[in-house]
Protein backbone atom coordinates (compact mmCIF):
# COMPACT_ATOMS: atom_id res chain seq x y z
CA MET A 1 -0.06 -0.25 -0.21
CA THR A 2 1.53 3.37 -1.38
CA SER A 3 -0.99 5.73 0.72
CA ALA A 4 -2.26 5.98 4.29
CA PRO A 5 -5.76 4.26 4.39
CA ASP A 6 -7.99 6.12 5.87
CA VAL A 7 -8.58 3.42 9.32
CA SER A 8 -6.08 0.48 10.39
CA VAL A 9 -7.70 -1.89 12.52
CA VAL A 10 -5.44 -3.55 15.19
CA ILE A 11 -5.77 -6.74 16.35
CA PRO A 12 -3.74 -9.17 18.58
CA THR A 13 -3.60 -12.11 18.38
CA ARG A 14 -1.62 -16.20 20.25
CA PHE A 15 -1.74 -18.82 19.55
CA ARG A 16 -4.66 -18.79 17.87
CA PRO A 17 -4.69 -19.29 13.88
CA GLY A 18 -8.20 -19.91 13.00
CA LEU A 19 -10.15 -17.50 14.87
CA VAL A 20 -7.28 -15.14 13.93
CA ARG A 21 -8.54 -15.49 10.49
CA ARG A 22 -11.33 -15.33 10.73
CA ALA A 23 -11.48 -11.53 12.24
CA VAL A 24 -8.90 -10.89 9.28
CA LEU A 25 -10.99 -11.78 6.73
CA GLY A 26 -14.29 -10.20 8.18
CA VAL A 27 -11.92 -7.04 8.47
CA LEU A 28 -11.40 -7.80 4.97
CA ALA A 29 -14.85 -8.31 3.99
CA GLN A 30 -16.21 -4.60 5.30
CA THR A 31 -17.97 -2.43 2.69
CA MET A 32 -15.09 0.29 3.62
CA PRO A 33 -12.94 -1.34 1.77
CA ASP A 34 -9.49 1.68 2.24
CA LEU A 35 -8.02 0.38 5.35
CA GLU A 36 -5.29 -1.68 6.81
CA VAL A 37 -4.91 -4.68 8.68
CA ILE A 38 -2.33 -4.79 11.77
CA VAL A 39 -2.02 -8.51 13.69
CA VAL A 40 0.60 -8.05 16.31
CA VAL A 41 1.59 -11.51 16.67
CA ASP A 42 1.52 -11.43 21.17
CA GLY A 43 5.43 -13.03 21.03
CA PRO A 44 6.47 -16.18 18.78
CA ASP A 45 4.30 -18.66 16.99
CA ASP A 46 4.61 -20.31 13.57
CA GLU A 47 1.77 -22.29 12.88
CA THR A 48 -0.20 -17.99 13.33
CA CYS A 49 2.14 -16.50 11.31
CA HIS A 50 1.52 -19.33 8.71
CA ALA A 51 -2.44 -19.01 8.98
CA LEU A 52 -1.75 -15.42 7.61
CA ALA A 53 0.67 -15.83 5.13
CA ALA A 54 -2.20 -17.61 3.17
CA ILE A 55 -3.98 -14.64 3.24
CA ALA A 56 -3.31 -12.67 -0.24
CA ASP A 57 -4.07 -9.53 0.67
CA PRO A 58 -1.71 -6.15 0.37
CA ARG A 59 -3.68 -4.47 3.40
CA LEU A 60 -2.42 -6.91 5.98
CA ARG A 61 0.32 -6.31 7.92
CA VAL A 62 2.00 -8.89 10.48
CA LEU A 63 4.29 -8.03 13.49
CA VAL A 64 5.63 -10.74 15.62
CA GLN A 65 6.92 -9.46 19.14
CA PRO A 66 10.24 -11.11 19.90
CA ALA A 67 7.89 -12.65 23.54
CA LYS A 68 4.46 -12.16 25.25
CA GLY A 69 3.37 -8.66 26.42
CA GLY A 70 -0.13 -9.24 26.70
CA ALA A 71 -3.18 -8.05 24.62
CA PRO A 72 -3.04 -3.95 25.83
CA ASN A 73 0.54 -3.56 24.69
CA ALA A 74 -0.67 -5.17 21.83
CA ARG A 75 -3.29 -2.82 20.79
CA ASN A 76 -0.11 -0.34 21.53
CA LEU A 77 2.39 -2.01 19.58
CA GLY A 78 -0.69 -1.71 16.27
CA ALA A 79 -1.69 1.65 16.90
CA ARG A 80 1.88 3.49 16.60
CA ALA A 81 2.64 1.37 13.11
CA ALA A 82 -0.70 2.54 12.33
CA ARG A 83 -0.87 4.48 9.00
CA GLY A 84 -4.43 5.20 9.38
CA ARG A 85 -6.66 8.83 10.96
CA TRP A 86 -8.30 6.38 12.50
CA THR A 87 -7.93 3.20 14.18
CA ALA A 88 -10.20 -0.10 15.19
CA MET A 89 -9.75 -2.65 17.77
CA LEU A 90 -10.68 -5.67 17.40
CA ASP A 91 -9.74 -9.13 19.85
CA ASP A 92 -8.77 -12.41 17.78
CA ASP A 93 -11.93 -14.29 18.81
CA ASP A 94 -14.75 -12.53 17.77
CA GLU A 95 -16.16 -10.89 14.62
CA TRP A 96 -17.38 -7.84 12.26
CA LEU A 97 -20.32 -7.17 10.78
CA PRO A 98 -19.76 -5.94 6.53
CA GLN A 99 -20.94 -2.80 7.45
CA LYS A 100 -19.81 -2.24 10.69
CA LEU A 101 -16.42 0.58 9.94
CA GLU A 102 -19.32 2.33 7.69
CA VAL A 103 -21.96 3.15 9.94
CA GLN A 104 -18.90 4.29 12.97
CA LEU A 105 -17.33 6.42 9.91
CA LYS A 106 -20.37 7.96 9.53
CA LEU A 107 -21.41 8.79 12.77
CA ALA A 108 -17.52 9.57 13.64
CA HIS A 109 -18.37 12.51 10.57
CA SER A 110 -21.43 13.14 12.28
CA ALA A 111 -19.56 14.12 16.20
CA ARG A 112 -19.61 17.75 18.16
CA ALA A 113 -17.12 16.89 18.94
CA ALA A 114 -13.27 16.99 18.11
CA THR A 115 -12.37 13.65 18.83
CA PRO A 116 -15.61 11.67 18.96
CA ILE A 117 -15.28 7.78 20.48
CA VAL A 118 -17.18 5.55 18.68
CA ALA A 119 -18.84 1.78 20.03
CA SER A 120 -21.09 0.24 19.05
CA ARG A 121 -24.29 -2.88 20.25
CA LEU A 122 -22.93 -6.13 19.75
CA ILE A 123 -23.96 -9.42 19.84
CA ASN A 124 -23.46 -11.29 22.62
CA ARG A 125 -23.16 -14.24 20.98
CA THR A 126 -22.94 -17.86 23.62
CA PRO A 127 -23.25 -21.42 23.64
CA ARG A 128 -26.72 -21.05 25.22
CA ALA A 129 -28.08 -17.47 24.53
CA GLU A 130 -28.27 -14.86 22.04
CA SER A 131 -28.74 -11.42 22.71
CA VAL A 132 -27.97 -7.44 22.55
CA MET A 133 -25.81 -5.09 24.52
CA PRO A 134 -25.62 -2.65 25.81
CA ARG A 135 -29.41 -3.15 26.27
CA ARG A 136 -29.65 1.32 25.83
CA LEU A 137 -27.55 4.34 24.40
CA PRO A 138 -25.89 6.70 26.87
CA GLU A 139 -28.10 9.78 27.64
CA PRO A 140 -28.01 13.70 26.51
CA ASP A 141 -25.26 14.73 29.25
CA GLU A 142 -25.02 11.37 31.39
CA PRO A 143 -21.48 10.34 33.10
CA ILE A 144 -19.97 8.14 31.35
CA SER A 145 -18.96 6.67 34.57
CA GLU A 146 -22.27 6.49 35.33
CA TYR A 147 -23.44 4.82 31.48
CA LEU A 148 -21.10 2.47 32.23
CA THR A 149 -21.65 0.60 35.26
CA VAL A 150 -24.84 1.74 37.02
CA ARG A 151 -27.82 -1.50 36.04
CA ARG A 152 -30.86 -0.96 35.82
CA GLY A 153 -32.14 -4.08 36.16
CA LEU A 154 -30.56 -7.08 38.08
CA PHE A 155 -28.61 -7.96 35.14
CA TYR A 156 -25.10 -6.37 33.74
CA GLY A 157 -25.71 -5.52 30.04
CA ASP A 158 -27.93 -1.70 30.41
CA GLY A 159 -24.86 0.22 29.54
CA PHE A 160 -22.01 -1.53 28.20
CA ILE A 161 -18.22 -1.59 25.70
CA GLN A 162 -16.24 -3.77 24.34
CA THR A 163 -12.91 -3.63 23.12
CA SER A 164 -13.85 -5.02 19.30
CA THR A 165 -16.80 -2.50 19.01
CA ILE A 166 -14.17 0.73 19.81
CA LEU A 167 -13.05 3.39 16.79
CA ALA A 168 -11.35 6.22 17.54
CA PRO A 169 -9.10 8.80 16.02
CA THR A 170 -5.39 7.20 15.64
CA GLU A 171 -3.97 10.19 17.70
CA LEU A 172 -6.31 9.31 20.64
CA PHE A 173 -5.21 5.88 21.05
CA HIS A 174 -1.44 7.46 21.26
CA ARG A 175 -2.42 9.68 24.10
CA VAL A 176 -4.04 7.60 26.25
CA PRO A 177 -2.35 4.09 25.97
CA PHE A 178 -3.71 0.66 27.09
CA THR A 179 -2.60 -0.38 30.23
CA VAL A 180 -0.52 -2.46 30.10
CA GLY A 181 -0.92 -5.19 33.00
CA LEU A 182 -4.27 -4.37 33.21
CA ARG A 183 -5.75 -7.76 33.00
CA ARG A 184 -9.92 -7.21 33.05
CA GLN A 185 -11.74 -3.90 32.42
CA GLN A 186 -9.15 -3.33 29.83
CA GLU A 187 -11.75 -1.33 27.83
CA LEU A 188 -13.33 0.29 30.49
CA ASP A 189 -10.26 1.78 32.26
CA TRP A 190 -8.78 3.48 28.24
CA THR A 191 -12.62 5.07 27.49
CA LEU A 192 -12.32 6.53 31.37
CA ARG A 193 -9.71 7.64 30.83
CA ALA A 194 -9.84 8.91 27.56
CA VAL A 195 -13.33 10.40 28.03
CA ARG A 196 -11.68 12.86 30.51
CA HIS A 197 -9.93 14.89 28.05
CA GLY A 198 -12.30 17.73 27.25
CA ASP A 199 -12.53 16.85 23.33
CA VAL A 200 -13.70 13.60 23.75
CA GLU A 201 -16.93 12.37 23.67
CA LEU A 202 -18.31 8.51 23.35
CA LEU A 203 -20.53 7.64 20.90
CA VAL A 204 -22.20 3.77 20.38
CA ALA A 205 -23.85 3.13 17.06
CA PRO A 206 -27.24 1.67 17.74
CA GLU A 207 -27.13 -1.57 15.40
CA PRO A 208 -25.13 -4.35 16.52
CA LEU A 209 -22.11 -4.99 14.60
CA VAL A 210 -19.76 -7.45 16.59
CA VAL A 211 -20.38 -10.21 17.11
CA TRP A 212 -19.04 -11.10 20.57
CA HIS A 213 -17.98 -14.77 21.11
CA GLN A 214 -18.17 -16.25 24.16
CA ASP A 215 -17.42 -20.33 23.68
CA GLU A 216 -17.72 -21.42 27.68
CA ASP A 217 -15.13 -23.62 26.66
CA ARG A 218 -12.20 -22.07 25.68
CA ASP A 219 -9.96 -19.20 27.89
CA ARG A 220 -10.29 -15.91 27.59
CA ILE A 221 -9.13 -13.04 29.86
CA SER A 222 -12.82 -12.07 31.07
CA LEU A 223 -13.55 -16.11 32.59
CA HIS A 224 -10.85 -14.94 34.96
CA MET A 225 -11.84 -13.85 38.77
CA PRO A 226 -8.82 -11.61 39.57
CA TRP A 227 -10.57 -10.15 42.07
CA ARG A 228 -8.66 -8.66 44.03
CA GLN A 229 -6.38 -7.14 41.44
CA GLN A 230 -9.71 -5.63 40.42
CA LEU A 231 -10.08 -4.05 43.21
CA GLU A 232 -6.84 -2.24 43.54
CA TRP A 233 -7.15 -0.90 40.26
CA LEU A 234 -10.35 0.77 41.20
CA ARG A 235 -9.01 2.17 44.58
CA ARG A 236 -6.28 3.43 42.11
CA SER A 237 -9.46 4.74 39.42
CA ARG A 238 -11.42 6.40 42.05
CA GLU A 239 -10.61 10.06 40.39
CA LEU A 240 -12.59 8.72 37.18
CA PHE A 241 -15.59 7.39 38.30
CA THR A 242 -18.85 9.13 40.28
CA PRO A 243 -20.07 7.67 43.96
CA ARG A 244 -22.04 6.09 41.75
CA ALA A 245 -20.61 4.30 39.48
CA TYR A 246 -17.85 3.31 41.59
CA ALA A 247 -20.05 1.99 44.17
CA ALA A 248 -22.39 -0.10 40.76
CA PHE A 249 -18.82 -1.40 39.79
CA THR A 250 -17.83 -2.22 43.32
CA MET A 251 -21.10 -4.43 43.98
CA SER A 252 -22.15 -5.81 40.95
CA VAL A 253 -18.38 -6.75 38.20
CA LEU A 254 -16.53 -6.60 40.79
CA SER A 255 -18.71 -8.68 43.03
CA SER A 256 -19.47 -10.78 40.84
CA MET A 257 -15.42 -12.03 40.90
CA ALA A 258 -14.96 -12.14 44.12
CA ALA A 259 -18.48 -14.09 45.45
CA THR A 260 -16.43 -16.82 44.18
CA THR A 261 -14.96 -17.67 47.01
CA ARG A 262 -17.69 -17.81 49.06
CA SER A 263 -16.51 -15.03 51.96
CA PRO A 264 -17.91 -13.82 54.68
CA SER A 265 -15.65 -10.76 55.04
CA VAL A 266 -14.75 -10.45 51.71
CA PHE A 267 -18.44 -9.89 51.62
CA ARG A 268 -17.56 -7.76 54.13
CA GLU A 269 -15.28 -5.43 52.84
CA LEU A 270 -17.01 -5.08 49.51
CA LEU A 271 -20.29 -3.76 50.75
CA ARG A 272 -17.91 -1.36 53.24
CA GLU A 273 -15.57 -0.35 49.71
CA ALA A 274 -18.91 1.09 47.31
CA ARG A 275 -20.20 2.19 51.08
CA THR A 276 -17.07 4.25 52.23
CA HIS A 277 -16.24 5.30 48.54
CA GLY A 278 -19.31 5.32 46.62
CA ARG A 279 -23.48 6.03 46.85
CA PRO A 280 -25.43 3.06 46.70
CA GLY A 281 -29.04 2.51 44.93
CA ALA A 282 -31.31 0.50 45.97
CA ILE A 283 -30.49 -1.57 42.60
CA ASP A 284 -27.31 -2.14 43.93
CA TYR A 285 -28.00 -3.23 47.17
CA LEU A 286 -30.52 -6.21 45.27
CA THR A 287 -27.89 -6.99 42.87
CA PHE A 288 -25.42 -7.44 45.92
CA LEU A 289 -27.34 -9.92 47.67
CA GLN A 290 -28.55 -11.92 44.81
CA ILE A 291 -25.23 -12.08 43.75
CA TRP A 292 -23.90 -13.56 46.26
CA GLY A 293 -26.79 -15.31 47.07
CA VAL A 294 -27.91 -17.00 44.34
CA PRO A 295 -25.48 -19.68 42.26
CA PRO A 296 -23.50 -18.26 39.52
CA GLN A 297 -25.43 -21.39 36.65
CA VAL A 298 -28.86 -19.72 38.69
CA ARG A 299 -28.27 -16.29 37.60
CA ARG A 300 -27.08 -17.06 34.34
CA ALA A 301 -29.70 -19.22 33.44
CA LEU A 302 -32.24 -16.44 34.59
CA ARG A 303 -30.32 -14.07 32.81
CA ASP A 304 -30.84 -15.86 29.26
CA LYS A 305 -33.92 -16.00 29.38
CA VAL A 306 -34.52 -12.78 30.54
CA LEU A 307 -32.12 -11.43 27.66
CA GLY A 308 -33.61 -13.34 25.35
CA ARG A 309 -37.31 -12.12 25.76
CA ASP A 310 -36.32 -8.96 26.06
CA ARG A 311 -34.91 -9.62 21.98
CA ALA A 312 -37.64 -11.43 20.89
CA ASP A 313 -39.99 -8.74 22.60
CA ALA A 314 -37.33 -5.73 20.21
């Protein structure tokens, strides 16, 4: 490619040649063809490199790292190598619908702010059920930390952002890199730090443009429960949250990780954290109690039933 593309797409990967091939082919099939794909192979991985070499498209570039550095580091490396004005992130186990970039670019050009982050709804696909998230869009002047954390029902997904939905100016990824070493909530951390800049706003396309594959027999970061590390991150990041959002995150997302301990002392610690540094609402207390009191498999079954019914009624 001789001229700079409009959009650069960054895909970190390691040891998943079939999945990353699917992700790359989905990008190359976009209705907006003026793009480049930068796959960052996170450490030596001959099988993945061979799979990517079989894709004969000059828009694909492969950057192989000498050692594993983690997905946030790989995204940062890809963003620094990007030649497009815009950069979009894609996890190797997700895929895009064909019009994803075209829809997002149109929305970006309508933004009021000079530096828009454009996300979208997604199709949350598991072996048990399929649903659309987020269930609602941000309201005017709603704090983004509250949009992304505060529930209006007992199940998550009212407000939501996932890495594979994010498109933003490449310059913003240079200004606000992903936090290296953070195992969970990488997109939440990045978004909340980015929107603190006065020229940045978050827009969410109303249609689902991404398929979020959550295969429960496959290892992925979102299946790990490092609740103590997440609590440490939350405490360091308190300034990113309103008190309402801080309490909601502690009593829902963090509690979902910690409840597997079945520890009364952990229960009390998180309740104290939320009440001391946040402002819980009634729904937060209900969420907290059902997370700690209802077995996870029962919660999942109820959520799938409720969200499946909501999707059928939509």
